[in-house]
Amino acid sequence: MIENKYMFQQVNTKIIERIIDDENVNINHMVLTKGDSLPEHFSNSNVYMLVIKGIITLKLDEQEEHTYPAGSILTIPYNTKMNVSNQHDDVLEFFVVKAPSPKFYKKQALNV
């Protein structure tokens, strides 16, 4: 078999799961219920968020919060301060794709 198969959980409760973490890419699956959020952090790669269900609330650096509905794909540059939350009644489900893998930036830092 040439391909690899990865599974993600299909739930309606808070979950943060790492699906793929290799030299090329990181893919995470997240489900947040109303009032749930991720800790404030800085993006450790180029980040692509694919909103599958619900509405995501996103505050980047010092800009105002913005909301994006299911079907949105968001791109966030490396080293951007991020605040991600679900402030709506519907369950929020999204995937986070980091490319290149954050391991790329760690290698670059070591080579400087």
PDB file of N, CA and C in Angstrom:
ATOM      1  N   MET A   1       0.834  -1.176   0.000  1.00  0.00           N
ATOM      2  CA  MET A   1       0.000   0.000   0.000  1.00  0.00           C
ATOM      3  C   MET A   1       0.887   1.251   0.000  1.00  0.00           C
ATOM      4  N   ILE A   2       0.687   2.145  -0.920  1.00  0.00           N
ATOM      5  CA  ILE A   2       1.490   3.359  -1.039  1.00  0.00           C
ATOM      6  C   ILE A   2       0.997   4.442  -0.088  1.00  0.00           C
ATOM      7  N   GLU A   3      -0.297   4.571   0.044  1.00  0.00           N
ATOM      8  CA  GLU A   3      -0.873   5.650   0.842  1.00  0.00           C
ATOM      9  C   GLU A   3      -0.862   5.305   2.337  1.00  0.00           C
ATOM     10  N   ASN A   4      -0.925   6.357   3.129  1.00  0.00           N
ATOM     11  CA  ASN A   4      -1.125   6.217   4.572  1.00  0.00           C
ATOM     12  C   ASN A   4      -2.530   6.679   4.886  1.00  0.00           C
ATOM     13  N   LYS A   5      -3.160   6.043   5.829  1.00  0.00           N
ATOM     14  CA  LYS A   5      -4.510   6.412   6.232  1.00  0.00           C
ATOM     15  C   LYS A   5      -4.464   7.020   7.624  1.00  0.00           C
ATOM     16  N   TYR A   6      -5.120   8.160   7.787  1.00  0.00           N
ATOM     17  CA  TYR A   6      -5.223   8.831   9.069  1.00  0.00           C
ATOM     18  C   TYR A   6      -6.705   9.018   9.374  1.00  0.00           C
ATOM     19  N   MET A   7      -7.058   8.921  10.628  1.00  0.00           N
ATOM     20  CA  MET A   7      -8.448   9.092  11.036  1.00  0.00           C
ATOM     21  C   MET A   7      -8.547  10.268  12.007  1.00  0.00           C
ATOM     22  N   PHE A   8      -9.705  10.925  12.008  1.00  0.00           N
ATOM     23  CA  PHE A   8      -9.982  11.948  13.010  1.00  0.00           C
ATOM     24  C   PHE A   8     -11.321  11.624  13.645  1.00  0.00           C
ATOM     25  N   GLN A   9     -11.468  12.077  14.881  1.00  0.00           N
ATOM     26  CA  GLN A   9     -12.689  11.778  15.618  1.00  0.00           C
ATOM     27  C   GLN A   9     -13.832  12.663  15.145  1.00  0.00           C
ATOM     28  N   GLN A  10     -15.017  12.104  15.134  1.00  0.00           N
ATOM     29  CA  GLN A  10     -16.211  12.857  14.768  1.00  0.00           C
ATOM     30  C   GLN A  10     -17.053  13.007  16.025  1.00  0.00           C
ATOM     31  N   VAL A  11     -16.854  14.138  16.697  1.00  0.00           N
ATOM     32  CA  VAL A  11     -17.488  14.406  17.983  1.00  0.00           C
ATOM     33  C   VAL A  11     -18.089  15.807  17.990  1.00  0.00           C
ATOM     34  N   ASN A  12     -18.911  16.078  18.985  1.00  0.00           N
ATOM     35  CA  ASN A  12     -19.479  17.409  19.175  1.00  0.00           C
ATOM     36  C   ASN A  12     -19.059  17.991  20.517  1.00  0.00           C
ATOM     37  N   THR A  13     -17.956  17.491  21.067  1.00  0.00           N
ATOM     38  CA  THR A  13     -17.396  18.011  22.307  1.00  0.00           C
ATOM     39  C   THR A  13     -15.982  18.489  22.015  1.00  0.00           C
ATOM     40  N   LYS A  14     -15.446  19.297  22.932  1.00  0.00           N
ATOM     41  CA  LYS A  14     -14.122  19.877  22.700  1.00  0.00           C
ATOM     42  C   LYS A  14     -13.075  18.787  22.495  1.00  0.00           C
ATOM     43  N   ILE A  15     -12.315  18.958  21.436  1.00  0.00           N
ATOM     44  CA  ILE A  15     -11.204  18.046  21.153  1.00  0.00           C
ATOM     45  C   ILE A  15     -10.148  18.800  20.354  1.00  0.00           C
ATOM     46  N   ILE A  16      -8.907  18.506  20.654  1.00  0.00           N
ATOM     47  CA  ILE A  16      -7.780  19.008  19.868  1.00  0.00           C
ATOM     48  C   ILE A  16      -6.903  17.799  19.619  1.00  0.00           C
ATOM     49  N   GLU A  17      -6.834  17.374  18.363  1.00  0.00           N
ATOM     50  CA  GLU A  17      -6.054  16.181  18.065  1.00  0.00           C
ATOM     51  C   GLU A  17      -5.092  16.421  16.917  1.00  0.00           C
ATOM     52  N   ARG A  18      -3.889  15.926  17.098  1.00  0.00           N
ATOM     53  CA  ARG A  18      -2.862  16.012  16.062  1.00  0.00           C
ATOM     54  C   ARG A  18      -3.044  14.802  15.149  1.00  0.00           C
ATOM     55  N   ILE A  19      -3.270  15.051  13.871  1.00  0.00           N
ATOM     56  CA  ILE A  19      -3.500  13.975  12.910  1.00  0.00           C
ATOM     57  C   ILE A  19      -2.188  13.571  12.238  1.00  0.00           C
ATOM     58  N   ILE A  20      -1.478  14.555  11.712  1.00  0.00           N
ATOM     59  CA  ILE A  20      -0.197  14.294  11.040  1.00  0.00           C
ATOM     60  C   ILE A  20       0.838  15.265  11.599  1.00  0.00           C
ATOM     61  N   ASP A  21       2.007  14.734  11.916  1.00  0.00           N
ATOM     62  CA  ASP A  21       3.112  15.553  12.401  1.00  0.00           C
ATOM     63  C   ASP A  21       4.398  14.952  11.842  1.00  0.00           C
ATOM     64  N   ASP A  22       4.763  15.401  10.642  1.00  0.00           N
ATOM     65  CA  ASP A  22       5.988  14.878  10.037  1.00  0.00           C
ATOM     66  C   ASP A  22       6.844  16.016   9.502  1.00  0.00           C
ATOM     67  N   GLU A  23       7.858  15.697   8.742  1.00  0.00           N
ATOM     68  CA  GLU A  23       8.797  16.705   8.236  1.00  0.00           C
ATOM     69  C   GLU A  23       8.170  17.661   7.215  1.00  0.00           C
ATOM     70  N   ASN A  24       7.049  17.260   6.620  1.00  0.00           N
ATOM     71  CA  ASN A  24       6.447  18.062   5.560  1.00  0.00           C
ATOM     72  C   ASN A  24       5.321  18.966   6.024  1.00  0.00           C
ATOM     73  N   VAL A  25       4.474  18.448   6.905  1.00  0.00           N
ATOM     74  CA  VAL A  25       3.257  19.161   7.252  1.00  0.00           C
ATOM     75  C   VAL A  25       2.763  18.724   8.629  1.00  0.00           C
ATOM     76  N   ASN A  26       2.022  19.610   9.279  1.00  0.00           N
ATOM     77  CA  ASN A  26       1.250  19.269  10.478  1.00  0.00           C
ATOM     78  C   ASN A  26      -0.213  19.482  10.142  1.00  0.00           C
ATOM     79  N   ILE A  27      -1.046  18.535  10.522  1.00  0.00           N
ATOM     80  CA  ILE A  27      -2.494  18.688  10.362  1.00  0.00           C
ATOM     81  C   ILE A  27      -3.150  18.368  11.698  1.00  0.00           C
ATOM     82  N   ASN A  28      -3.890  19.332  12.214  1.00  0.00           N
ATOM     83  CA  ASN A  28      -4.615  19.170  13.469  1.00  0.00           C
ATOM     84  C   ASN A  28      -6.111  19.302  13.209  1.00  0.00           C
ATOM     85  N   HIS A  29      -6.886  18.592  14.001  1.00  0.00           N
ATOM     86  CA  HIS A  29      -8.348  18.637  13.940  1.00  0.00           C
ATOM     87  C   HIS A  29      -8.835  19.184  15.274  1.00  0.00           C
ATOM     88  N   MET A  30      -9.732  20.155  15.219  1.00  0.00           N
ATOM     89  CA  MET A  30     -10.204  20.784  16.452  1.00  0.00           C
ATOM     90  C   MET A  30     -11.714  20.951  16.424  1.00  0.00           C
ATOM     91  N   VAL A  31     -12.322  20.717  17.584  1.00  0.00           N
ATOM     92  CA  VAL A  31     -13.744  20.952  17.793  1.00  0.00           C
ATOM     93  C   VAL A  31     -13.866  21.772  19.067  1.00  0.00           C
ATOM     94  N   LEU A  32     -14.549  22.902  18.971  1.00  0.00           N
ATOM     95  CA  LEU A  32     -14.759  23.771  20.125  1.00  0.00           C
ATOM     96  C   LEU A  32     -16.251  24.029  20.292  1.00  0.00           C
ATOM     97  N   THR A  33     -16.745  23.930  21.528  1.00  0.00           N
ATOM     98  CA  THR A  33     -18.130  24.272  21.812  1.00  0.00           C
ATOM     99  C   THR A  33     -18.198  25.735  22.232  1.00  0.00           C
ATOM    100  N   LYS A  34     -19.402  26.264  22.372  1.00  0.00           N
ATOM    101  CA  LYS A  34     -19.568  27.681  22.704  1.00  0.00           C
ATOM    102  C   LYS A  34     -18.760  28.034  23.950  1.00  0.00           C
ATOM    103  N   GLY A  35     -17.959  29.099  23.842  1.00  0.00           N
ATOM    104  CA  GLY A  35     -17.145  29.574  24.949  1.00  0.00           C
ATOM    105  C   GLY A  35     -15.752  28.971  25.010  1.00  0.00           C
ATOM    106  N   ASP A  36     -15.497  27.917  24.241  1.00  0.00           N
ATOM    107  CA  ASP A  36     -14.167  27.307  24.212  1.00  0.00           C
ATOM    108  C   ASP A  36     -13.215  28.159  23.373  1.00  0.00           C
ATOM    109  N   SER A  37     -11.936  28.099  23.735  1.00  0.00           N
ATOM    110  CA  SER A  37     -10.929  28.824  22.962  1.00  0.00           C
ATOM    111  C   SER A  37      -9.598  28.090  23.076  1.00  0.00           C
ATOM    112  N   LEU A  38      -8.680  28.482  22.224  1.00  0.00           N
ATOM    113  CA  LEU A  38      -7.304  27.998  22.302  1.00  0.00           C
ATOM    114  C   LEU A  38      -6.503  29.030  23.086  1.00  0.00           C
ATOM    115  N   PRO A  39      -5.446  28.622  23.772  1.00  0.00           N
ATOM    116  CA  PRO A  39      -4.594  29.613  24.441  1.00  0.00           C
ATOM    117  C   PRO A  39      -3.981  30.561  23.406  1.00  0.00           C
ATOM    118  N   GLU A  40      -3.822  31.814  23.794  1.00  0.00           N
ATOM    119  CA  GLU A  40      -3.147  32.759  22.902  1.00  0.00           C
ATOM    120  C   GLU A  40      -1.755  32.223  22.594  1.00  0.00           C
ATOM    121  N   HIS A  41      -1.384  32.295  21.317  1.00  0.00           N
ATOM    122  CA  HIS A  41      -0.081  31.782  20.903  1.00  0.00           C
ATOM    123  C   HIS A  41       0.333  32.452  19.598  1.00  0.00           C
ATOM    124  N   PHE A  42       1.577  32.247  19.210  1.00  0.00           N
ATOM    125  CA  PHE A  42       2.076  32.750  17.930  1.00  0.00           C
ATOM    126  C   PHE A  42       2.151  31.584  16.952  1.00  0.00           C
ATOM    127  N   SER A  43       1.764  31.825  15.721  1.00  0.00           N
ATOM    128  CA  SER A  43       1.822  30.770  14.702  1.00  0.00           C
ATOM    129  C   SER A  43       3.280  30.354  14.513  1.00  0.00           C
ATOM    130  N   ASN A  44       3.509  29.043  14.521  1.00  0.00           N
ATOM    131  CA  ASN A  44       4.872  28.527  14.404  1.00  0.00           C
ATOM    132  C   ASN A  44       5.169  28.015  12.991  1.00  0.00           C
ATOM    133  N   SER A  45       4.323  28.402  12.040  1.00  0.00           N
ATOM    134  CA  SER A  45       4.492  28.095  10.628  1.00  0.00           C
ATOM    135  C   SER A  45       3.485  28.941   9.859  1.00  0.00           C
ATOM    136  N   ASN A  46       3.399  28.748   8.561  1.00  0.00           N
ATOM    137  CA  ASN A  46       2.279  29.294   7.809  1.00  0.00           C
ATOM    138  C   ASN A  46       1.086  28.419   8.148  1.00  0.00           C
ATOM    139  N   VAL A  47      -0.023  29.041   8.544  1.00  0.00           N
ATOM    140  CA  VAL A  47      -1.182  28.308   9.031  1.00  0.00           C
ATOM    141  C   VAL A  47      -2.348  28.479   8.057  1.00  0.00           C
ATOM    142  N   TYR A  48      -3.011  27.366   7.789  1.00  0.00           N
ATOM    143  CA  TYR A  48      -4.210  27.353   6.952  1.00  0.00           C
ATOM    144  C   TYR A  48      -5.317  26.738   7.788  1.00  0.00           C
ATOM    145  N   MET A  49      -6.390  27.479   7.996  1.00  0.00           N
ATOM    146  CA  MET A  49      -7.521  26.974   8.776  1.00  0.00           C
ATOM    147  C   MET A  49      -8.690  26.717   7.832  1.00  0.00           C
ATOM    148  N   LEU A  50      -9.233  25.512   7.911  1.00  0.00           N
ATOM    149  CA  LEU A  50     -10.372  25.121   7.096  1.00  0.00           C
ATOM    150  C   LEU A  50     -11.559  24.927   8.031  1.00  0.00           C
ATOM    151  N   VAL A  51     -12.525  25.826   7.960  1.00  0.00           N
ATOM    152  CA  VAL A  51     -13.678  25.780   8.850  1.00  0.00           C
ATOM    153  C   VAL A  51     -14.711  24.832   8.243  1.00  0.00           C
ATOM    154  N   ILE A  52     -14.998  23.751   8.969  1.00  0.00           N
ATOM    155  CA  ILE A  52     -15.893  22.705   8.482  1.00  0.00           C
ATOM    156  C   ILE A  52     -17.319  22.929   8.956  1.00  0.00           C
ATOM    157  N   LYS A  53     -17.451  23.344  10.224  1.00  0.00           N
ATOM    158  CA  LYS A  53     -18.778  23.487  10.826  1.00  0.00           C
ATOM    159  C   LYS A  53     -18.740  24.645  11.811  1.00  0.00           C
ATOM    160  N   GLY A  54     -19.819  25.417  11.888  1.00  0.00           N
ATOM    161  CA  GLY A  54     -19.910  26.510  12.845  1.00  0.00           C
ATOM    162  C   GLY A  54     -19.281  27.793  12.342  1.00  0.00           C
ATOM    163  N   ILE A  55     -18.935  28.660  13.294  1.00  0.00           N
ATOM    164  CA  ILE A  55     -18.352  29.974  12.999  1.00  0.00           C
ATOM    165  C   ILE A  55     -17.133  30.155  13.898  1.00  0.00           C
ATOM    166  N   ILE A  56     -16.007  30.458  13.299  1.00  0.00           N
ATOM    167  CA  ILE A  56     -14.776  30.680  14.061  1.00  0.00           C
ATOM    168  C   ILE A  56     -14.610  32.173  14.313  1.00  0.00           C
ATOM    169  N   THR A  57     -14.164  32.522  15.519  1.00  0.00           N
ATOM    170  CA  THR A  57     -13.815  33.900  15.853  1.00  0.00           C
ATOM    171  C   THR A  57     -12.304  33.953  15.972  1.00  0.00           C
ATOM    172  N   LEU A  58     -11.711  34.885  15.259  1.00  0.00           N
ATOM    173  CA  LEU A  58     -10.263  34.950  15.129  1.00  0.00           C
ATOM    174  C   LEU A  58      -9.789  36.379  15.375  1.00  0.00           C
ATOM    175  N   LYS A  59      -8.834  36.524  16.292  1.00  0.00           N
ATOM    176  CA  LYS A  59      -8.187  37.815  16.529  1.00  0.00           C
ATOM    177  C   LYS A  59      -6.703  37.606  16.293  1.00  0.00           C
ATOM    178  N   LEU A  60      -6.159  38.324  15.318  1.00  0.00           N
ATOM    179  CA  LEU A  60      -4.751  38.200  14.951  1.00  0.00           C
ATOM    180  C   LEU A  60      -4.002  39.477  15.287  1.00  0.00           C
ATOM    181  N   ASP A  61      -2.835  39.324  15.906  1.00  0.00           N
ATOM    182  CA  ASP A  61      -2.026  40.459  16.355  1.00  0.00           C
ATOM    183  C   ASP A  61      -2.932  41.451  17.090  1.00  0.00           C
ATOM    184  N   GLU A  62      -2.934  42.701  16.696  1.00  0.00           N
ATOM    185  CA  GLU A  62      -3.721  43.715  17.409  1.00  0.00           C
ATOM    186  C   GLU A  62      -4.993  44.120  16.660  1.00  0.00           C
ATOM    187  N   GLN A  63      -5.331  43.400  15.597  1.00  0.00           N
ATOM    188  CA  GLN A  63      -6.538  43.767  14.850  1.00  0.00           C
ATOM    189  C   GLN A  63      -7.794  43.350  15.624  1.00  0.00           C
ATOM    190  N   GLU A  64      -8.937  43.862  15.196  1.00  0.00           N
ATOM    191  CA  GLU A  64     -10.204  43.489  15.809  1.00  0.00           C
ATOM    192  C   GLU A  64     -10.542  42.043  15.476  1.00  0.00           C
ATOM    193  N   GLU A  65     -11.438  41.462  16.272  1.00  0.00           N
ATOM    194  CA  GLU A  65     -11.896  40.100  16.004  1.00  0.00           C
ATOM    195  C   GLU A  65     -12.673  40.059  14.699  1.00  0.00           C
ATOM    196  N   HIS A  66     -12.546  38.940  13.990  1.00  0.00           N
ATOM    197  CA  HIS A  66     -13.325  38.683  12.788  1.00  0.00           C
ATOM    198  C   HIS A  66     -13.948  37.300  12.927  1.00  0.00           C
ATOM    199  N   THR A  67     -15.090  37.107  12.297  1.00  0.00           N
ATOM    200  CA  THR A  67     -15.742  35.796  12.315  1.00  0.00           C
ATOM    201  C   THR A  67     -15.836  35.260  10.892  1.00  0.00           C
ATOM    202  N   TYR A  68     -15.728  33.929  10.791  1.00  0.00           N
ATOM    203  CA  TYR A  68     -15.758  33.268   9.491  1.00  0.00           C
ATOM    204  C   TYR A  68     -16.615  32.013   9.607  1.00  0.00           C
ATOM    205  N   PRO A  69     -17.540  31.815   8.673  1.00  0.00           N
ATOM    206  CA  PRO A  69     -18.441  30.663   8.746  1.00  0.00           C
ATOM    207  C   PRO A  69     -17.847  29.407   8.112  1.00  0.00           C
ATOM    208  N   ALA A  70     -18.545  28.290   8.312  1.00  0.00           N
ATOM    209  CA  ALA A  70     -18.176  27.031   7.672  1.00  0.00           C
ATOM    210  C   ALA A  70     -18.000  27.262   6.176  1.00  0.00           C
ATOM    211  N   GLY A  71     -17.001  26.618   5.610  1.00  0.00           N
ATOM    212  CA  GLY A  71     -16.684  26.799   4.196  1.00  0.00           C
ATOM    213  C   GLY A  71     -15.547  27.782   3.972  1.00  0.00           C
ATOM    214  N   SER A  72     -15.129  28.469   5.036  1.00  0.00           N
ATOM    215  CA  SER A  72     -14.028  29.431   4.922  1.00  0.00           C
ATOM    216  C   SER A  72     -12.687  28.724   5.036  1.00  0.00           C
ATOM    217  N   ILE A  73     -11.723  29.207   4.271  1.00  0.00           N
ATOM    218  CA  ILE A  73     -10.331  28.777   4.396  1.00  0.00           C
ATOM    219  C   ILE A  73      -9.524  30.035   4.668  1.00  0.00           C
ATOM    220  N   LEU A  74      -8.815  30.048   5.792  1.00  0.00           N
ATOM    221  CA  LEU A  74      -8.077  31.226   6.229  1.00  0.00           C
ATOM    222  C   LEU A  74      -6.580  30.950   6.165  1.00  0.00           C
ATOM    223  N   THR A  75      -5.809  31.934   5.785  1.00  0.00           N
ATOM    224  CA  THR A  75      -4.356  31.807   5.777  1.00  0.00           C
ATOM    225  C   THR A  75      -3.784  32.806   6.774  1.00  0.00           C
ATOM    226  N   ILE A  76      -2.842  32.331   7.583  1.00  0.00           N
ATOM    227  CA  ILE A  76      -2.239  33.158   8.622  1.00  0.00           C
ATOM    228  C   ILE A  76      -0.724  33.012   8.504  1.00  0.00           C
ATOM    229  N   PRO A  77      -0.001  34.118   8.379  1.00  0.00           N
ATOM    230  CA  PRO A  77       1.446  34.035   8.205  1.00  0.00           C
ATOM    231  C   PRO A  77       2.166  33.563   9.463  1.00  0.00           C
ATOM    232  N   TYR A  78       3.365  33.085   9.255  1.00  0.00           N
ATOM    233  CA  TYR A  78       4.260  32.667  10.331  1.00  0.00           C
ATOM    234  C   TYR A  78       4.453  33.791  11.349  1.00  0.00           C
ATOM    235  N   ASN A  79       4.524  33.438  12.621  1.00  0.00           N
ATOM    236  CA  ASN A  79       4.832  34.339  13.733  1.00  0.00           C
ATOM    237  C   ASN A  79       3.775  35.420  13.942  1.00  0.00           C
ATOM    238  N   THR A  80       2.519  35.066  13.776  1.00  0.00           N
ATOM    239  CA  THR A  80       1.394  35.968  14.017  1.00  0.00           C
ATOM    240  C   THR A  80       0.737  35.587  15.335  1.00  0.00           C
ATOM    241  N   LYS A  81       0.459  36.589  16.194  1.00  0.00           N
ATOM    242  CA  LYS A  81      -0.239  36.313  17.455  1.00  0.00           C
ATOM    243  C   LYS A  81      -1.679  35.917  17.139  1.00  0.00           C
ATOM    244  N   MET A  82      -2.111  34.799  17.733  1.00  0.00           N
ATOM    245  CA  MET A  82      -3.418  34.236  17.396  1.00  0.00           C
ATOM    246  C   MET A  82      -4.284  34.042  18.644  1.00  0.00           C
ATOM    247  N   ASN A  83      -5.541  34.428  18.521  1.00  0.00           N
ATOM    248  CA  ASN A  83      -6.574  34.109  19.499  1.00  0.00           C
ATOM    249  C   ASN A  83      -7.728  33.495  18.729  1.00  0.00           C
ATOM    250  N   VAL A  84      -8.047  32.240  19.037  1.00  0.00           N
ATOM    251  CA  VAL A  84      -9.058  31.476  18.307  1.00  0.00           C
ATOM    252  C   VAL A  84     -10.124  31.050  19.306  1.00  0.00           C
ATOM    253  N   SER A  85     -11.407  31.275  18.951  1.00  0.00           N
ATOM    254  CA  SER A  85     -12.471  30.898  19.874  1.00  0.00           C
ATOM    255  C   SER A  85     -13.768  30.598  19.131  1.00  0.00           C
ATOM    256  N   ASN A  86     -14.682  29.985  19.882  1.00  0.00           N
ATOM    257  CA  ASN A  86     -16.054  29.776  19.419  1.00  0.00           C
ATOM    258  C   ASN A  86     -16.957  30.572  20.342  1.00  0.00           C
ATOM    259  N   GLN A  87     -17.530  31.638  19.836  1.00  0.00           N
ATOM    260  CA  GLN A  87     -18.410  32.503  20.619  1.00  0.00           C
ATOM    261  C   GLN A  87     -19.867  32.329  20.202  1.00  0.00           C
ATOM    262  N   HIS A  88     -20.148  31.266  19.469  1.00  0.00           N
ATOM    263  CA  HIS A  88     -21.495  31.049  18.928  1.00  0.00           C
ATOM    264  C   HIS A  88     -22.091  29.751  19.466  1.00  0.00           C
ATOM    265  N   ASP A  89     -23.392  29.610  19.317  1.00  0.00           N
ATOM    266  CA  ASP A  89     -24.096  28.444  19.854  1.00  0.00           C
ATOM    267  C   ASP A  89     -23.713  27.147  19.152  1.00  0.00           C
ATOM    268  N   ASP A  90     -23.499  27.204  17.845  1.00  0.00           N
ATOM    269  CA  ASP A  90     -23.181  25.993  17.087  1.00  0.00           C
ATOM    270  C   ASP A  90     -21.775  25.497  17.403  1.00  0.00           C
ATOM    271  N   VAL A  91     -21.594  24.194  17.359  1.00  0.00           N
ATOM    272  CA  VAL A  91     -20.272  23.593  17.521  1.00  0.00           C
ATOM    273  C   VAL A  91     -19.376  24.048  16.374  1.00  0.00           C
ATOM    274  N   LEU A  92     -18.133  24.393  16.699  1.00  0.00           N
ATOM    275  CA  LEU A  92     -17.138  24.801  15.708  1.00  0.00           C
ATOM    276  C   LEU A  92     -16.203  23.630  15.448  1.00  0.00           C
ATOM    277  N   GLU A  93     -16.040  23.274  14.187  1.00  0.00           N
ATOM    278  CA  GLU A  93     -15.090  22.234  13.802  1.00  0.00           C
ATOM    279  C   GLU A  93     -14.206  22.779  12.702  1.00  0.00           C
ATOM    280  N   PHE A  94     -12.898  22.596  12.854  1.00  0.00           N
ATOM    281  CA  PHE A  94     -11.973  23.087  11.833  1.00  0.00           C
ATOM    282  C   PHE A  94     -10.691  22.264  11.838  1.00  0.00           C
ATOM    283  N   PHE A  95      -9.990  22.331  10.724  1.00  0.00           N
ATOM    284  CA  PHE A  95      -8.687  21.711  10.579  1.00  0.00           C
ATOM    285  C   PHE A  95      -7.643  22.819  10.486  1.00  0.00           C
ATOM    286  N   VAL A  96      -6.485  22.545  11.053  1.00  0.00           N
ATOM    287  CA  VAL A  96      -5.348  23.464  10.965  1.00  0.00           C
ATOM    288  C   VAL A  96      -4.235  22.737  10.230  1.00  0.00           C
ATOM    289  N   VAL A  97      -3.802  23.322   9.126  1.00  0.00           N
ATOM    290  CA  VAL A  97      -2.712  22.768   8.337  1.00  0.00           C
ATOM    291  C   VAL A  97      -1.537  23.732   8.462  1.00  0.00           C
ATOM    292  N   LYS A  98      -0.391  23.189   8.876  1.00  0.00           N
ATOM    293  CA  LYS A  98       0.811  24.003   9.003  1.00  0.00           C
ATOM    294  C   LYS A  98       1.818  23.519   7.969  1.00  0.00           C
ATOM    295  N   ALA A  99       2.178  24.439   7.063  1.00  0.00           N
ATOM    296  CA  ALA A  99       3.116  24.081   6.002  1.00  0.00           C
ATOM    297  C   ALA A  99       4.022  25.272   5.721  1.00  0.00           C
ATOM    298  N   PRO A 100       5.318  25.076   5.728  1.00  0.00           N
ATOM    299  CA  PRO A 100       5.955  23.799   6.009  1.00  0.00           C
ATOM    300  C   PRO A 100       5.765  23.424   7.471  1.00  0.00           C
ATOM    301  N   SER A 101       6.135  22.221   7.796  1.00  0.00           N
ATOM    302  CA  SER A 101       6.067  21.763   9.180  1.00  0.00           C
ATOM    303  C   SER A 101       6.825  22.738  10.077  1.00  0.00           C
ATOM    304  N   PRO A 102       6.351  22.978  11.293  1.00  0.00           N
ATOM    305  CA  PRO A 102       7.109  23.832  12.218  1.00  0.00           C
ATOM    306  C   PRO A 102       8.541  23.355  12.433  1.00  0.00           C
ATOM    307  N   LYS A 103       8.801  22.083  12.167  1.00  0.00           N
ATOM    308  CA  LYS A 103      10.168  21.554  12.282  1.00  0.00           C
ATOM    309  C   LYS A 103      11.118  22.283  11.328  1.00  0.00           C
ATOM    310  N   PHE A 104      10.584  22.762  10.189  1.00  0.00           N
ATOM    311  CA  PHE A 104      11.380  23.514   9.225  1.00  0.00           C
ATOM    312  C   PHE A 104      11.937  24.786   9.879  1.00  0.00           C
ATOM    313  N   TYR A 105      11.093  25.519  10.621  1.00  0.00           N
ATOM    314  CA  TYR A 105      11.526  26.758  11.248  1.00  0.00           C
ATOM    315  C   TYR A 105      12.509  26.492  12.382  1.00  0.00           C
ATOM    316  N   LYS A 106      12.345  25.378  13.080  1.00  0.00           N
ATOM    317  CA  LYS A 106      13.298  25.023  14.136  1.00  0.00           C
ATOM    318  C   LYS A 106      14.672  24.756  13.523  1.00  0.00           C
ATOM    319  N   LYS A 107      14.699  24.052  12.377  1.00  0.00           N
ATOM    320  CA  LYS A 107      15.979  23.781  11.697  1.00  0.00           C
ATOM    321  C   LYS A 107      16.626  25.074  11.235  1.00  0.00           C
ATOM    322  N   GLN A 108      15.805  25.998  10.701  1.00  0.00           N
ATOM    323  CA  GLN A 108      16.333  27.273  10.230  1.00  0.00           C
ATOM    324  C   GLN A 108      16.966  28.043  11.388  1.00  0.00           C
ATOM    325  N   ALA A 109      16.330  28.023  12.544  1.00  0.00           N
ATOM    326  CA  ALA A 109      16.854  28.728  13.711  1.00  0.00           C
ATOM    327  C   ALA A 109      18.185  28.125  14.165  1.00  0.00           C
ATOM    328  N   LEU A 110      18.301  26.824  14.075  1.00  0.00           N
ATOM    329  CA  LEU A 110      19.550  26.170  14.473  1.00  0.00           C
ATOM    330  C   LEU A 110      20.689  26.453  13.515  1.00  0.00           C
ATOM    331  N   ASN A 111      20.365  26.734  12.249  1.00  0.00           N
ATOM    332  CA  ASN A 111      21.389  26.984  11.239  1.00  0.00           C
ATOM    333  C   ASN A 111      21.852  28.430  11.194  1.00  0.00           C
ATOM    334  N   VAL A 112      21.231  29.285  11.966  1.00  0.00           N
ATOM    335  CA  VAL A 112      21.586  30.710  11.945  1.00  0.00           C
ATOM    336  C   VAL A 112      22.789  30.970  12.804  1.00  0.00           C
TER     337      VAL A 112
END
